[in-house]
Amino acid sequence: MIDANARGAWQELEARLRPFIVRRVPTPADVDDVVQDVFLRMQRGVGGLRDDERFGPWVYQVARSAIAEHHRARARHVLTDGDVPEPEADEPPRGEGGAAELLALAIGPLVAMLPTPYREALTLTELEGLSQKAAADMLGISLPAMKSRVQRGREKLRALVEQCCEVALDARGHVIDCVPRIPGNPSRCSCG
C-alpha cells in the first residue's frame, strides 16, 4: 500500500510536469501517454541517481527525453495516424495545389529516412511546428546546433526529394508538378 505522503508527492510532481509536457505535446491523449512514460522511466532510473539535489533537473531531463521519443515515434508513423487523407483517384492529383499536396504526403516518409539528428530537428521544427529555440531546449542542445541541424536536414531532405521525384516550381517557388523518377516503384518513391 502506498502511504498518503508518497501519493501526495507523486501528485505534486505530476502537477508540475503536466504543464511542461502540455506545451510540447499536441493532444491531451498524447500528454497522458507521455506523463505515464515519464513516471515509468523515473521508476526505472531513480536508482542510478547519485545526488538528491539533482532530482528536479533529472526529472525534467527524463521528461524531455520522453517527449523527444514521442515526437520520433510520431514521425516514424506519420501516415498511420489517419490525419492524412488517401488520394481518391487512381491518377495522382495535378493542377492547382494537387502537386503540392502530393509532395506534402511524401515528405513525412522521406523525413523518417533521414539520420536521427536531422530527422529529430525537422520533425520538431517543420512537422510539429516548434520554434528552433524550443526544439533545441527539448533536445538539450544549443540554438546554433539546432539551426545547423535544421539547415543540414533540409539539404538532405531536398536531395532525397530530388532523387525520388522530379519537382517543377513556378516563378514564386510554388510546386506546380511532381512526377516520380521511377514510375510504379513505390519502394523508391513515396509520391508516386
C-alpha atoms as a PDB file:
ATOM      1  CA  MET A   1       0.000   0.000   0.000  1.00  0.00           C
ATOM      2  CA  ILE A   2       1.224   3.478  -0.869  1.00  0.00           C
ATOM      3  CA  ASP A   3       1.161   5.845   2.084  1.00  0.00           C
ATOM      4  CA  ALA A   4      -0.588   9.205   1.789  1.00  0.00           C
ATOM      5  CA  ASN A   5       2.642  11.252   1.825  1.00  0.00           C
ATOM      6  CA  ALA A   6       4.121   9.334  -1.134  1.00  0.00           C
ATOM      7  CA  ARG A   7       0.843   9.601  -3.076  1.00  0.00           C
ATOM      8  CA  GLY A   8       0.823  13.358  -2.475  1.00  0.00           C
ATOM      9  CA  ALA A   9       4.412  13.667  -3.703  1.00  0.00           C
ATOM     10  CA  TRP A  10       3.548  11.876  -6.957  1.00  0.00           C
ATOM     11  CA  GLN A  11       0.505  14.085  -7.474  1.00  0.00           C
ATOM     12  CA  GLU A  12       2.570  17.214  -6.823  1.00  0.00           C
ATOM     13  CA  LEU A  13       5.238  16.031  -9.252  1.00  0.00           C
ATOM     14  CA  GLU A  14       2.581  15.344 -11.907  1.00  0.00           C
ATOM     15  CA  ALA A  15       1.053  18.786 -11.316  1.00  0.00           C
ATOM     16  CA  ARG A  16       4.449  20.361 -12.070  1.00  0.00           C
ATOM     17  CA  LEU A  17       5.292  18.112 -15.042  1.00  0.00           C
ATOM     18  CA  ARG A  18       1.962  18.193 -16.850  1.00  0.00           C
ATOM     19  CA  PRO A  19       2.106  21.899 -17.940  1.00  0.00           C
ATOM     20  CA  PHE A  20       5.704  21.372 -19.116  1.00  0.00           C
ATOM     21  CA  ILE A  21       4.560  18.422 -21.259  1.00  0.00           C
ATOM     22  CA  VAL A  22       1.321  20.091 -22.452  1.00  0.00           C
ATOM     23  CA  ARG A  23       3.358  22.920 -24.036  1.00  0.00           C
ATOM     24  CA  ARG A  24       5.333  20.370 -26.055  1.00  0.00           C
ATOM     25  CA  VAL A  25       2.817  17.651 -26.962  1.00  0.00           C
ATOM     26  CA  PRO A  26      -0.175  18.466 -29.189  1.00  0.00           C
ATOM     27  CA  THR A  27      -3.054  16.263 -27.969  1.00  0.00           C
ATOM     28  CA  PRO A  28      -4.387  15.546 -24.463  1.00  0.00           C
ATOM     29  CA  ALA A  29      -4.292  11.769 -25.005  1.00  0.00           C
ATOM     30  CA  ASP A  30      -0.641  12.017 -26.032  1.00  0.00           C
ATOM     31  CA  VAL A  31       0.075  14.176 -22.962  1.00  0.00           C
ATOM     32  CA  ASP A  32      -1.295  11.406 -20.735  1.00  0.00           C
ATOM     33  CA  ASP A  33       0.856   8.832 -22.539  1.00  0.00           C
ATOM     34  CA  VAL A  34       3.991  10.949 -22.161  1.00  0.00           C
ATOM     35  CA  VAL A  35       3.308  11.628 -18.447  1.00  0.00           C
ATOM     36  CA  GLN A  36       2.904   7.898 -17.893  1.00  0.00           C
ATOM     37  CA  ASP A  37       6.116   7.223 -19.831  1.00  0.00           C
ATOM     38  CA  VAL A  38       7.987   9.801 -17.717  1.00  0.00           C
ATOM     39  CA  PHE A  39       6.862   8.145 -14.483  1.00  0.00           C
ATOM     40  CA  LEU A  40       7.819   4.730 -15.820  1.00  0.00           C
ATOM     41  CA  ARG A  41      11.274   5.992 -16.836  1.00  0.00           C
ATOM     42  CA  MET A  42      11.679   7.633 -13.444  1.00  0.00           C
ATOM     43  CA  GLN A  43      10.834   4.371 -11.651  1.00  0.00           C
ATOM     44  CA  ARG A  44      13.408   2.517 -13.732  1.00  0.00           C
ATOM     45  CA  GLY A  45      16.155   5.117 -13.428  1.00  0.00           C
ATOM     46  CA  VAL A  46      15.837   6.614  -9.951  1.00  0.00           C
ATOM     47  CA  GLY A  47      18.226   4.002  -8.537  1.00  0.00           C
ATOM     48  CA  GLY A  48      21.031   5.390 -10.683  1.00  0.00           C
ATOM     49  CA  LEU A  49      20.552   8.951  -9.412  1.00  0.00           C
ATOM     50  CA  ARG A  50      23.519   9.819  -7.193  1.00  0.00           C
ATOM     51  CA  ASP A  51      22.809  13.323  -5.936  1.00  0.00           C
ATOM     52  CA  ASP A  52      19.432  14.029  -4.279  1.00  0.00           C
ATOM     53  CA  GLU A  53      19.796  17.746  -5.034  1.00  0.00           C
ATOM     54  CA  ARG A  54      19.818  16.988  -8.784  1.00  0.00           C
ATOM     55  CA  PHE A  55      16.427  15.221  -8.672  1.00  0.00           C
ATOM     56  CA  GLY A  56      14.462  18.175 -10.143  1.00  0.00           C
ATOM     57  CA  PRO A  57      16.684  18.746 -13.197  1.00  0.00           C
ATOM     58  CA  TRP A  58      16.923  14.984 -13.700  1.00  0.00           C
ATOM     59  CA  VAL A  59      13.113  14.674 -13.781  1.00  0.00           C
ATOM     60  CA  TYR A  60      12.858  17.390 -16.443  1.00  0.00           C
ATOM     61  CA  GLN A  61      15.611  15.720 -18.475  1.00  0.00           C
ATOM     62  CA  VAL A  62      13.649  12.453 -18.290  1.00  0.00           C
ATOM     63  CA  ALA A  63      10.555  14.376 -19.435  1.00  0.00           C
ATOM     64  CA  ARG A  64      12.443  15.982 -22.356  1.00  0.00           C
ATOM     65  CA  SER A  65      13.715  12.573 -23.381  1.00  0.00           C
ATOM     66  CA  ALA A  66      10.210  11.054 -23.254  1.00  0.00           C
ATOM     67  CA  ILE A  67       8.807  13.977 -25.282  1.00  0.00           C
ATOM     68  CA  ALA A  68      11.547  13.651 -27.909  1.00  0.00           C
ATOM     69  CA  GLU A  69      10.898   9.897 -28.163  1.00  0.00           C
ATOM     70  CA  HIS A  70       7.178  10.608 -28.566  1.00  0.00           C
ATOM     71  CA  HIS A  71       7.913  13.005 -31.452  1.00  0.00           C
ATOM     72  CA  ARG A  72      10.280  10.492 -33.063  1.00  0.00           C
ATOM     73  CA  ALA A  73       7.610   7.781 -32.848  1.00  0.00           C
ATOM     74  CA  ARG A  74       5.048  10.103 -34.457  1.00  0.00           C
ATOM     75  CA  ALA A  75       7.496  10.924 -37.249  1.00  0.00           C
ATOM     76  CA  ARG A  76       8.020   7.234 -37.958  1.00  0.00           C
ATOM     77  CA  HIS A  77       4.269   6.656 -38.157  1.00  0.00           C
ATOM     78  CA  VAL A  78       3.061   9.836 -39.831  1.00  0.00           C
ATOM     79  CA  LEU A  79       0.734   8.063 -42.264  1.00  0.00           C
ATOM     80  CA  THR A  80      -0.758   5.662 -39.711  1.00  0.00           C
ATOM     81  CA  ASP A  81      -2.341   8.440 -37.649  1.00  0.00           C
ATOM     82  CA  GLY A  82      -5.259   8.742 -40.073  1.00  0.00           C
ATOM     83  CA  ASP A  83      -4.736  12.512 -40.336  1.00  0.00           C
ATOM     84  CA  VAL A  84      -3.526  12.311 -43.930  1.00  0.00           C
ATOM     85  CA  PRO A  85      -6.221  11.535 -46.499  1.00  0.00           C
ATOM     86  CA  GLU A  86      -5.593   8.935 -49.182  1.00  0.00           C
ATOM     87  CA  PRO A  87      -5.717  10.108 -52.803  1.00  0.00           C
ATOM     88  CA  GLU A  88      -9.136   9.129 -54.117  1.00  0.00           C
ATOM     89  CA  ALA A  89      -8.406   8.621 -57.798  1.00  0.00           C
ATOM     90  CA  ASP A  90      -6.003   6.215 -59.470  1.00  0.00           C
ATOM     91  CA  GLU A  91      -4.306   9.153 -61.170  1.00  0.00           C
ATOM     92  CA  PRO A  92      -2.391  11.452 -58.776  1.00  0.00           C
ATOM     93  CA  PRO A  93      -3.951  14.909 -58.470  1.00  0.00           C
ATOM     94  CA  ARG A  94      -2.493  17.526 -60.811  1.00  0.00           C
ATOM     95  CA  GLY A  95      -3.088  21.196 -61.314  1.00  0.00           C
ATOM     96  CA  GLU A  96      -3.697  23.912 -58.749  1.00  0.00           C
ATOM     97  CA  GLY A  97      -2.459  22.680 -55.360  1.00  0.00           C
ATOM     98  CA  GLY A  98      -2.627  18.977 -56.328  1.00  0.00           C
ATOM     99  CA  ALA A  99       1.101  18.516 -56.928  1.00  0.00           C
ATOM    100  CA  ALA A 100       1.973  20.352 -53.726  1.00  0.00           C
ATOM    101  CA  GLU A 101      -0.445  18.159 -51.761  1.00  0.00           C
ATOM    102  CA  LEU A 102       1.023  15.047 -53.367  1.00  0.00           C
ATOM    103  CA  LEU A 103       4.550  16.127 -52.472  1.00  0.00           C
ATOM    104  CA  ALA A 104       3.444  17.025 -48.941  1.00  0.00           C
ATOM    105  CA  LEU A 105       2.197  13.445 -48.464  1.00  0.00           C
ATOM    106  CA  ALA A 106       5.663  12.180 -49.410  1.00  0.00           C
ATOM    107  CA  ILE A 107       7.572  14.462 -47.032  1.00  0.00           C
ATOM    108  CA  GLY A 108       6.760  12.559 -43.799  1.00  0.00           C
ATOM    109  CA  PRO A 109       8.169   9.215 -45.012  1.00  0.00           C
ATOM    110  CA  LEU A 110      11.175  10.980 -46.540  1.00  0.00           C
ATOM    111  CA  VAL A 111      11.902  12.813 -43.263  1.00  0.00           C
ATOM    112  CA  ALA A 112      11.711   9.426 -41.494  1.00  0.00           C
ATOM    113  CA  MET A 113      14.533   8.207 -43.766  1.00  0.00           C
ATOM    114  CA  LEU A 114      16.956  10.923 -42.574  1.00  0.00           C
ATOM    115  CA  PRO A 115      19.697  10.220 -39.995  1.00  0.00           C
ATOM    116  CA  THR A 116      18.466  10.675 -36.417  1.00  0.00           C
ATOM    117  CA  PRO A 117      19.750  14.203 -35.591  1.00  0.00           C
ATOM    118  CA  TYR A 118      18.307  15.678 -38.792  1.00  0.00           C
ATOM    119  CA  ARG A 119      15.069  13.677 -38.540  1.00  0.00           C
ATOM    120  CA  GLU A 120      14.525  14.935 -34.973  1.00  0.00           C
ATOM    121  CA  ALA A 121      15.309  18.538 -35.926  1.00  0.00           C
ATOM    122  CA  LEU A 122      12.989  18.600 -38.952  1.00  0.00           C
ATOM    123  CA  THR A 123      10.217  16.684 -37.187  1.00  0.00           C
ATOM    124  CA  LEU A 124      10.145  19.109 -34.280  1.00  0.00           C
ATOM    125  CA  THR A 125      10.545  22.331 -36.271  1.00  0.00           C
ATOM    126  CA  GLU A 126       8.906  21.651 -39.628  1.00  0.00           C
ATOM    127  CA  LEU A 127       6.314  18.935 -38.936  1.00  0.00           C
ATOM    128  CA  GLU A 128       5.402  19.682 -35.303  1.00  0.00           C
ATOM    129  CA  GLY A 129       5.732  23.475 -35.663  1.00  0.00           C
ATOM    130  CA  LEU A 130       8.033  24.148 -32.710  1.00  0.00           C
ATOM    131  CA  SER A 131      10.420  27.069 -32.855  1.00  0.00           C
ATOM    132  CA  GLN A 132      14.079  26.190 -33.279  1.00  0.00           C
ATOM    133  CA  LYS A 133      14.724  27.528 -29.757  1.00  0.00           C
ATOM    134  CA  ALA A 134      12.021  25.307 -28.237  1.00  0.00           C
ATOM    135  CA  ALA A 135      13.289  22.293 -30.179  1.00  0.00           C
ATOM    136  CA  ALA A 136      16.864  22.973 -29.032  1.00  0.00           C
ATOM    137  CA  ASP A 137      15.705  23.194 -25.409  1.00  0.00           C
ATOM    138  CA  MET A 138      13.730  19.968 -25.774  1.00  0.00           C
ATOM    139  CA  LEU A 139      16.707  18.069 -27.162  1.00  0.00           C
ATOM    140  CA  GLY A 140      19.163  19.668 -24.739  1.00  0.00           C
ATOM    141  CA  ILE A 141      21.367  21.247 -27.420  1.00  0.00           C
ATOM    142  CA  SER A 142      22.380  24.833 -28.189  1.00  0.00           C
ATOM    143  CA  LEU A 143      20.349  27.014 -30.552  1.00  0.00           C
ATOM    144  CA  PRO A 144      23.219  27.259 -33.097  1.00  0.00           C
ATOM    145  CA  ALA A 145      23.484  23.461 -33.096  1.00  0.00           C
ATOM    146  CA  MET A 146      19.730  23.179 -33.753  1.00  0.00           C
ATOM    147  CA  LYS A 147      19.917  25.742 -36.567  1.00  0.00           C
ATOM    148  CA  SER A 148      22.754  23.770 -38.131  1.00  0.00           C
ATOM    149  CA  ARG A 149      20.804  20.503 -37.857  1.00  0.00           C
ATOM    150  CA  VAL A 150      17.718  22.071 -39.431  1.00  0.00           C
ATOM    151  CA  GLN A 151      19.743  23.560 -42.296  1.00  0.00           C
ATOM    152  CA  ARG A 152      21.618  20.306 -42.977  1.00  0.00           C
ATOM    153  CA  GLY A 153      18.410  18.305 -42.582  1.00  0.00           C
ATOM    154  CA  ARG A 154      16.692  20.476 -45.191  1.00  0.00           C
ATOM    155  CA  GLU A 155      19.609  19.923 -47.574  1.00  0.00           C
ATOM    156  CA  LYS A 156      19.463  16.150 -47.047  1.00  0.00           C
ATOM    157  CA  LEU A 157      15.666  16.158 -47.444  1.00  0.00           C
ATOM    158  CA  ARG A 158      15.940  18.147 -50.665  1.00  0.00           C
ATOM    159  CA  ALA A 159      18.445  15.588 -52.001  1.00  0.00           C
ATOM    160  CA  LEU A 160      16.028  12.754 -51.142  1.00  0.00           C
ATOM    161  CA  VAL A 161      13.136  14.560 -52.849  1.00  0.00           C
ATOM    162  CA  GLU A 162      15.239  15.214 -55.954  1.00  0.00           C
ATOM    163  CA  GLN A 163      16.364  11.579 -56.004  1.00  0.00           C
ATOM    164  CA  CYS A 164      12.772  10.397 -55.678  1.00  0.00           C
ATOM    165  CA  CYS A 165      10.800  12.893 -57.754  1.00  0.00           C
ATOM    166  CA  GLU A 166      11.066  15.462 -60.474  1.00  0.00           C
ATOM    167  CA  VAL A 167       9.536  18.614 -59.000  1.00  0.00           C
ATOM    168  CA  ALA A 168       8.560  21.608 -61.146  1.00  0.00           C
ATOM    169  CA  LEU A 169       8.255  25.019 -59.491  1.00  0.00           C
ATOM    170  CA  ASP A 170       6.627  28.221 -60.713  1.00  0.00           C
ATOM    171  CA  ALA A 171       8.324  31.630 -60.654  1.00  0.00           C
ATOM    172  CA  ARG A 172       7.368  32.136 -56.995  1.00  0.00           C
ATOM    173  CA  GLY A 173       8.795  28.766 -55.920  1.00  0.00           C
ATOM    174  CA  HIS A 174       5.433  27.014 -55.525  1.00  0.00           C
ATOM    175  CA  VAL A 175       5.158  23.369 -56.576  1.00  0.00           C
ATOM    176  CA  ILE A 176       3.238  23.006 -59.839  1.00  0.00           C
ATOM    177  CA  ASP A 177       4.090  19.395 -60.700  1.00  0.00           C
ATOM    178  CA  CYS A 178       5.613  16.338 -59.043  1.00  0.00           C
ATOM    179  CA  VAL A 179       6.443  13.226 -61.077  1.00  0.00           C
ATOM    180  CA  PRO A 180       8.141  10.097 -59.656  1.00  0.00           C
ATOM    181  CA  ARG A 181      11.527   9.477 -61.270  1.00  0.00           C
ATOM    182  CA  ILE A 182      10.819   5.731 -61.242  1.00  0.00           C
ATOM    183  CA  PRO A 183       7.087   5.384 -62.031  1.00  0.00           C
ATOM    184  CA  GLY A 184       5.333   2.483 -60.338  1.00  0.00           C
ATOM    185  CA  ASN A 185       8.192   1.710 -57.932  1.00  0.00           C
ATOM    186  CA  PRO A 186       6.757   2.607 -54.513  1.00  0.00           C
ATOM    187  CA  SER A 187       9.844   1.304 -52.688  1.00  0.00           C
ATOM    188  CA  ARG A 188      11.885   4.149 -54.244  1.00  0.00           C
ATOM    189  CA  CYS A 189       9.332   6.930 -54.111  1.00  0.00           C
ATOM    190  CA  SER A 190       6.596   7.958 -51.712  1.00  0.00           C
ATOM    191  CA  CYS A 191       4.831  10.341 -54.050  1.00  0.00           C
ATOM    192  CA  GLY A 192       4.034   8.030 -56.955  1.00  0.00           C
END
